[in-house]
């Protein structure tokens, strides 16, 4: 099992999305956080291989796990000893907006 490290920017994106969902429908923000948490567990346990990103996102080496219920991707860079979550990206955002975060 590899360690998963979450960048501050990705964490902030998840917090802001959860706050929006909670405002729209009480309880939905908690469900969003649970979905993100479950996705990170899946990544950490290496249950599923991460999917490639759309070509428009650029060739950064990043891959994604698509959330089932919410229109978000967990975008991560896989390194030999850790996985770095660099974005919790809404599907309507410009692909690859997080590109500068993928630089070591």
Foldseek 3Di string as FASTA:
>chain_A
DAAEAEDPAAVVQLVVVLVVLCVVPNPVSVVSVVQVVVVVVCVRVVVDDFADDPCQLDDLQWGWDAGDPAQWTQIWHDDPRYIYRQHGGHPPDRRNPSVVSSDD
